[in-house]
Amino acid sequence: MPIAAGIDEVGYGPKLGPLVVAAAAFRVDDPSVNLWNALATAVSDRRTTERLPVLDSKELYSSATGVGTLEPTALAFLGLLPDRHTTSFRRLLEVIALDPPAASDPWYREADFELPQVATRTDLNFHTQRLGTACVRAAAAVHGCWTAWAEPADLNRAVASGLNKSHFLFGQACRLVKAILESAPGEDVIVRIGKQGGRRLYLAGLVREFGTVWVHGETAATSRYEFREGGRRVLLEFLMDGERRDFGISLASIIGKYLREGAMRLFNAYWARQSEGLRATAGYGADARRFFREIEPHLERLRIAPDAVLRKR
């Protein structure tokens, strides 16, 4: 069975917190299958509590409702993977992150929380079992999930070395493509990726990463490429509005957002212990600048470099 995967990024724009690029992959009889339809007894492309919602995380999540809208979907799918024990946040990161957050960052050091955060274990087991049944009936199986994780220090080092931020993001996506390929040696793979910054042309970067690549079309809506690895065929599609067009991209968006919000929970908890009365932040815009101003006086005492906290771009 070929592998069909989706990749999406979460946290490209904030000034605080990690950039998380996630991949979700399935084994399917037909890579063109619409998994929203095939798994319709267990999932929905709309916000709902009766079935697992799979849609753009920006539409599903809000700071008012918190991670409760993301958690059942993220943990139910991850729960179908072998040896993916989701009993704690740190344990989850250890098994799906290509490079888990460094323990040297004090907000991660010896910090953890139990999963699920909001959903009950009973409800989560129900959704996971129903999803598993739907996958069997659809001849589809959850194959794997990976994340490429970058903290502000990683982004700042990349920018300082002369790397464009968009090129850094592209490189993270390519790392995930390689992880997918390594997980299924010799098998045909199709990877669909949300278009990054609305770009249309990706050939030059793909050639640097994968060697000889053929172009099957480059339009505003879709850019398609192919390369061969041994005897197998690898197709890459970059999709505008990918979260609405591809199930795997939507699922990757949800898993990435769930993990980023977990990271921000630990980040805010650490700084709340250092500065009494400090209001938590999501890490975006003016509020990120407000938060950094309030914690900046503590950085020297804690021996934390500003570049480890605040993104320069």
Protein backbone atom coordinates (compact mmCIF):
# COMPACT_ATOMS: atom_id res chain seq x y z
CA MET A 1 0.00 0.00 0.00
CA PRO A 2 1.40 3.43 -0.87
CA ILE A 3 1.89 6.17 1.69
CA ALA A 4 -0.12 9.42 1.53
CA ALA A 5 1.06 12.17 3.88
CA GLY A 6 0.29 15.79 4.69
CA ILE A 7 2.63 18.43 6.12
CA ASP A 8 1.73 21.78 7.65
CA GLU A 9 3.38 24.38 9.88
CA VAL A 10 2.15 26.10 13.02
CA GLY A 11 3.82 29.06 14.69
CA TYR A 12 5.59 30.68 11.75
CA GLY A 13 4.52 34.21 12.67
CA PRO A 14 4.84 34.53 16.49
CA LYS A 15 7.73 36.19 18.29
CA LEU A 16 7.70 33.73 21.19
CA GLY A 17 7.49 29.96 21.33
CA PRO A 18 8.38 27.23 18.85
CA LEU A 19 7.80 26.78 15.16
CA VAL A 20 6.28 23.32 14.78
CA VAL A 21 6.11 21.63 11.37
CA ALA A 22 4.11 18.42 11.52
CA ALA A 23 3.53 15.47 9.19
CA ALA A 24 0.71 12.91 9.31
CA ALA A 25 0.92 9.84 7.05
CA PHE A 26 -1.48 7.04 6.08
CA ARG A 27 -1.23 3.75 4.26
CA VAL A 28 -3.97 3.70 1.64
CA ASP A 29 -5.01 1.58 -1.33
CA ASP A 30 -5.53 4.70 -3.44
CA PRO A 31 -3.49 7.87 -2.68
CA SER A 32 -6.26 10.01 -4.21
CA VAL A 33 -8.82 8.78 -1.65
CA ASN A 34 -10.77 11.49 0.18
CA LEU A 35 -10.28 10.47 3.81
CA TRP A 36 -12.99 12.83 4.99
CA ASN A 37 -15.43 10.67 3.03
CA ALA A 38 -13.76 7.34 3.69
CA LEU A 39 -13.67 7.90 7.47
CA ALA A 40 -16.98 9.76 7.67
CA THR A 41 -18.37 7.57 10.46
CA ALA A 42 -15.62 8.84 12.75
CA VAL A 43 -14.50 12.26 11.42
CA SER A 44 -15.97 15.48 10.09
CA ASP A 45 -14.69 18.51 8.20
CA ARG A 46 -16.73 20.73 10.53
CA ARG A 47 -16.55 21.65 14.20
CA THR A 48 -18.43 18.96 16.10
CA THR A 49 -18.26 16.95 19.31
CA GLU A 50 -20.03 13.88 17.90
CA ARG A 51 -17.23 13.02 15.47
CA LEU A 52 -13.58 14.02 15.37
CA PRO A 53 -13.22 17.39 13.63
CA VAL A 54 -10.43 17.48 11.04
CA LEU A 55 -10.01 20.97 9.61
CA ASP A 56 -7.64 23.91 9.67
CA SER A 57 -6.47 24.35 13.26
CA LYS A 58 -6.94 28.12 12.88
CA GLU A 59 -10.66 27.49 12.40
CA LEU A 60 -10.90 24.82 15.09
CA TYR A 61 -8.91 26.46 17.89
CA SER A 62 -9.52 29.64 19.82
CA SER A 63 -7.84 30.96 22.95
CA ALA A 64 -11.29 31.17 24.58
CA THR A 65 -12.02 27.45 24.16
CA GLY A 66 -8.44 26.26 24.58
CA VAL A 67 -7.00 22.91 23.50
CA GLY A 68 -10.23 21.04 24.19
CA THR A 69 -11.22 21.42 20.53
CA LEU A 70 -7.88 20.03 19.30
CA GLU A 71 -7.18 17.29 21.80
CA PRO A 72 -9.64 14.52 20.85
CA THR A 73 -8.59 14.61 17.20
CA ALA A 74 -4.86 14.82 17.89
CA LEU A 75 -4.76 12.10 20.54
CA ALA A 76 -7.22 9.74 18.82
CA PHE A 77 -5.11 9.60 15.66
CA LEU A 78 -1.85 9.37 17.59
CA GLY A 79 -3.42 6.62 19.68
CA LEU A 80 -3.65 4.39 16.59
CA LEU A 81 0.12 4.39 16.14
CA PRO A 82 2.09 1.50 17.64
CA ASP A 83 4.14 2.37 20.72
CA ARG A 84 2.81 5.92 20.79
CA HIS A 85 2.02 6.26 24.48
CA THR A 86 0.33 9.60 25.02
CA THR A 87 0.24 9.66 28.80
CA SER A 88 2.27 12.85 29.11
CA PHE A 89 3.33 15.78 26.96
CA ARG A 90 7.06 15.08 27.24
CA ARG A 91 6.57 11.42 26.37
CA LEU A 92 4.59 12.40 23.29
CA LEU A 93 7.33 14.76 22.13
CA GLU A 94 9.99 12.11 22.64
CA VAL A 95 8.28 9.70 20.26
CA ILE A 96 7.16 12.01 17.44
CA ALA A 97 9.63 14.93 17.40
CA LEU A 98 12.68 14.59 15.16
CA ASP A 99 14.45 16.85 17.63
CA PRO A 100 12.57 17.25 20.94
CA PRO A 101 12.93 20.61 22.72
CA ALA A 102 16.26 20.95 24.45
CA ALA A 103 16.23 20.27 28.16
CA SER A 104 18.63 23.22 28.43
CA ASP A 105 15.65 25.54 28.00
CA PRO A 106 14.48 26.00 31.60
CA TRP A 107 10.76 26.01 30.74
CA TYR A 108 11.14 22.43 29.48
CA ARG A 109 13.59 21.14 32.08
CA GLU A 110 11.88 18.55 34.27
CA ALA A 111 8.53 20.06 33.23
CA ASP A 112 5.62 17.97 32.06
CA PHE A 113 1.88 17.47 32.36
CA GLU A 114 -0.43 14.51 31.94
CA LEU A 115 -2.50 13.78 28.85
CA PRO A 116 -5.29 14.16 28.06
CA GLN A 117 -5.52 17.70 29.38
CA VAL A 118 -9.25 18.30 28.88
CA ALA A 119 -10.88 15.26 27.26
CA THR A 120 -11.88 12.37 29.48
CA ARG A 121 -10.06 9.10 28.96
CA THR A 122 -13.43 7.41 28.37
CA ASP A 123 -14.38 9.79 25.56
CA LEU A 124 -10.92 9.56 24.04
CA ASN A 125 -11.00 5.76 24.03
CA PHE A 126 -14.42 5.84 22.35
CA HIS A 127 -13.22 8.14 19.57
CA THR A 128 -10.00 6.15 19.09
CA GLN A 129 -11.85 2.84 18.81
CA ARG A 130 -14.44 4.24 16.39
CA LEU A 131 -11.68 5.81 14.30
CA GLY A 132 -9.80 2.51 14.22
CA THR A 133 -12.91 0.71 12.98
CA ALA A 134 -13.45 3.35 10.28
CA CYS A 135 -9.85 2.96 9.12
CA VAL A 136 -10.21 -0.82 8.80
CA ARG A 137 -13.40 -0.45 6.76
CA ALA A 138 -11.75 2.14 4.51
CA ALA A 139 -8.60 0.04 4.01
CA ALA A 140 -6.56 2.90 5.46
CA ALA A 141 -4.12 2.85 8.35
CA VAL A 142 -2.40 5.61 10.30
CA HIS A 143 1.24 5.08 9.35
CA GLY A 144 3.15 7.73 11.24
CA CYS A 145 3.42 11.22 12.65
CA TRP A 146 6.55 13.35 12.94
CA THR A 147 7.33 16.91 13.92
CA ALA A 148 10.28 19.18 13.13
CA TRP A 149 10.69 21.48 16.11
CA ALA A 150 12.46 24.85 16.14
CA GLU A 151 12.81 27.14 19.15
CA PRO A 152 13.55 30.90 18.85
CA ALA A 153 17.27 30.19 19.34
CA ASP A 154 17.22 27.83 16.33
CA LEU A 155 15.47 30.40 14.15
CA ASN A 156 17.76 33.21 15.29
CA ARG A 157 20.89 31.15 14.51
CA ALA A 158 19.53 30.36 11.06
CA VAL A 159 18.79 34.00 10.30
CA ALA A 160 22.20 35.07 11.65
CA SER A 161 23.87 32.61 9.30
CA GLY A 162 22.18 34.32 6.35
CA LEU A 163 19.34 31.84 5.87
CA ASN A 164 15.99 33.33 4.90
CA LYS A 165 13.22 32.39 7.34
CA SER A 166 11.09 30.96 4.53
CA HIS A 167 14.03 28.82 3.42
CA PHE A 168 14.38 27.56 6.98
CA LEU A 169 10.71 26.55 6.95
CA PHE A 170 11.17 24.78 3.61
CA GLY A 171 14.13 22.89 5.05
CA GLN A 172 12.05 21.73 8.00
CA ALA A 173 9.37 20.41 5.65
CA CYS A 174 12.03 18.55 3.65
CA ARG A 175 13.33 16.94 6.83
CA LEU A 176 9.85 15.55 7.38
CA VAL A 177 9.62 14.29 3.80
CA LYS A 178 12.87 12.39 4.41
CA ALA A 179 11.52 10.95 7.68
CA ILE A 180 8.44 9.70 5.82
CA LEU A 181 10.60 8.10 3.13
CA GLU A 182 12.82 6.42 5.72
CA SER A 183 9.75 4.99 7.46
CA ALA A 184 8.61 3.13 4.32
CA PRO A 185 11.68 1.95 2.34
CA GLY A 186 10.97 1.23 -1.31
CA GLU A 187 7.29 2.18 -1.18
CA ASP A 188 5.61 4.81 -3.34
CA VAL A 189 4.87 8.02 -1.45
CA ILE A 190 2.81 11.13 -2.10
CA VAL A 191 3.31 14.10 0.21
CA ARG A 192 1.02 17.11 0.13
CA ILE A 193 2.30 20.30 1.78
CA GLY A 194 0.51 23.54 2.53
CA LYS A 195 1.89 26.27 0.27
CA GLN A 196 4.46 28.27 2.18
CA GLY A 197 3.83 32.00 1.96
CA GLY A 198 1.86 31.55 -1.25
CA ARG A 199 4.99 30.61 -3.20
CA ARG A 200 4.52 28.97 -6.59
CA LEU A 201 8.04 27.75 -7.41
CA TYR A 202 9.80 25.07 -5.33
CA LEU A 203 11.99 23.27 -7.86
CA ALA A 204 15.36 24.78 -6.93
CA GLY A 205 14.98 23.87 -3.27
CA LEU A 206 13.78 20.36 -4.08
CA VAL A 207 16.75 19.73 -6.36
CA ARG A 208 19.12 20.77 -3.55
CA GLU A 209 17.41 18.36 -1.16
CA PHE A 210 16.57 15.39 -3.40
CA GLY A 211 18.58 15.59 -6.63
CA THR A 212 16.82 15.15 -9.98
CA VAL A 213 13.21 16.37 -9.79
CA TRP A 214 10.58 16.62 -12.53
CA VAL A 215 7.98 19.38 -12.64
CA HIS A 216 4.35 18.38 -13.29
CA GLY A 217 2.92 21.88 -13.03
CA GLU A 218 3.35 25.11 -11.08
CA THR A 219 0.24 27.23 -10.62
CA ALA A 220 -1.09 29.56 -7.95
CA ALA A 221 -3.26 26.75 -6.61
CA THR A 222 -0.99 23.71 -6.92
CA SER A 223 2.68 22.99 -7.62
CA ARG A 224 3.48 19.33 -8.42
CA TYR A 225 6.83 17.55 -8.56
CA GLU A 226 8.18 14.02 -8.83
CA PHE A 227 11.45 12.27 -8.16
CA ARG A 228 12.58 8.66 -8.01
CA GLU A 229 14.39 7.03 -5.13
CA GLY A 230 15.62 3.63 -6.16
CA GLY A 231 12.64 1.96 -7.77
CA ARG A 232 9.97 3.99 -6.06
CA ARG A 233 8.08 7.07 -7.13
CA VAL A 234 7.81 10.10 -4.84
CA LEU A 235 5.26 12.80 -5.60
CA LEU A 236 5.23 16.18 -3.86
CA GLU A 237 2.31 18.59 -4.09
CA PHE A 238 2.27 22.09 -2.63
CA LEU A 239 -1.34 23.19 -2.18
CA MET A 240 -2.82 26.63 -1.65
CA ASP A 241 -5.46 26.41 1.13
CA GLY A 242 -4.12 22.94 1.77
CA GLU A 243 -5.97 22.54 5.07
CA ARG A 244 -9.26 22.67 3.18
CA ARG A 245 -8.11 20.45 0.32
CA ASP A 246 -6.21 17.63 1.98
CA PHE A 247 -7.07 15.56 5.04
CA GLY A 248 -3.45 14.88 5.96
CA ILE A 249 -2.55 18.58 5.89
CA SER A 250 -5.51 19.40 8.14
CA LEU A 251 -4.56 16.66 10.59
CA ALA A 252 -0.93 17.82 10.62
CA SER A 253 -2.15 21.34 11.35
CA ILE A 254 -4.15 20.11 14.35
CA ILE A 255 -1.34 17.99 15.76
CA GLY A 256 1.19 20.80 15.29
CA LYS A 257 -1.09 23.33 16.98
CA TYR A 258 -1.80 20.97 19.86
CA LEU A 259 1.92 20.52 20.47
CA ARG A 260 2.71 24.22 20.18
CA GLU A 261 -0.01 25.05 22.71
CA GLY A 262 1.46 22.45 25.06
CA ALA A 263 4.86 24.08 24.71
CA MET A 264 3.36 27.49 25.44
CA ARG A 265 1.70 26.06 28.55
CA LEU A 266 5.12 25.08 29.91
CA PHE A 267 6.68 28.38 28.78
CA ASN A 268 4.00 30.48 30.51
CA ALA A 269 4.10 28.34 33.66
CA TYR A 270 7.86 28.85 33.98
CA TRP A 271 7.71 32.60 33.60
CA ALA A 272 4.73 32.89 35.96
CA ARG A 273 6.99 31.40 38.64
CA GLN A 274 9.63 34.05 37.94
CA SER A 275 7.38 37.11 37.80
CA GLU A 276 4.38 37.34 40.09
CA GLY A 277 1.19 38.48 38.38
CA LEU A 278 2.56 37.98 34.87
CA ARG A 279 -0.24 37.48 32.34
CA ALA A 280 0.19 34.52 29.99
CA THR A 281 0.83 35.04 26.29
CA ALA A 282 0.17 33.15 23.07
CA GLY A 283 3.37 34.67 21.68
CA TYR A 284 1.94 36.86 18.91
CA GLY A 285 2.28 40.53 17.98
CA ALA A 286 1.97 43.30 20.53
CA ASP A 287 1.21 40.89 23.35
CA ALA A 288 4.49 39.06 22.72
CA ARG A 289 6.35 42.36 22.98
CA ARG A 290 4.47 43.18 26.20
CA PHE A 291 5.38 39.79 27.66
CA PHE A 292 9.06 40.10 26.71
CA ARG A 293 9.30 43.57 28.28
CA GLU A 294 7.98 42.14 31.54
CA ILE A 295 10.35 39.16 31.65
CA GLU A 296 13.43 40.94 30.29
CA PRO A 297 14.58 42.20 33.73
CA HIS A 298 14.80 38.57 34.89
CA LEU A 299 16.93 37.24 32.04
CA GLU A 300 20.35 38.14 33.44
CA ARG A 301 19.52 36.69 36.87
CA LEU A 302 18.36 33.46 35.26
CA ARG A 303 21.31 33.39 32.81
CA ILE A 304 18.99 33.19 29.82
CA ALA A 305 20.06 34.83 26.57
CA PRO A 306 17.42 37.07 24.96
CA ASP A 307 17.86 35.15 21.70
CA ALA A 308 16.67 32.00 23.46
CA VAL A 309 13.31 33.63 24.12
CA LEU A 310 12.55 36.24 21.44
CA ARG A 311 12.69 35.68 17.70
CA LYS A 312 14.46 38.44 15.80
CA ARG A 313 12.23 37.81 12.74
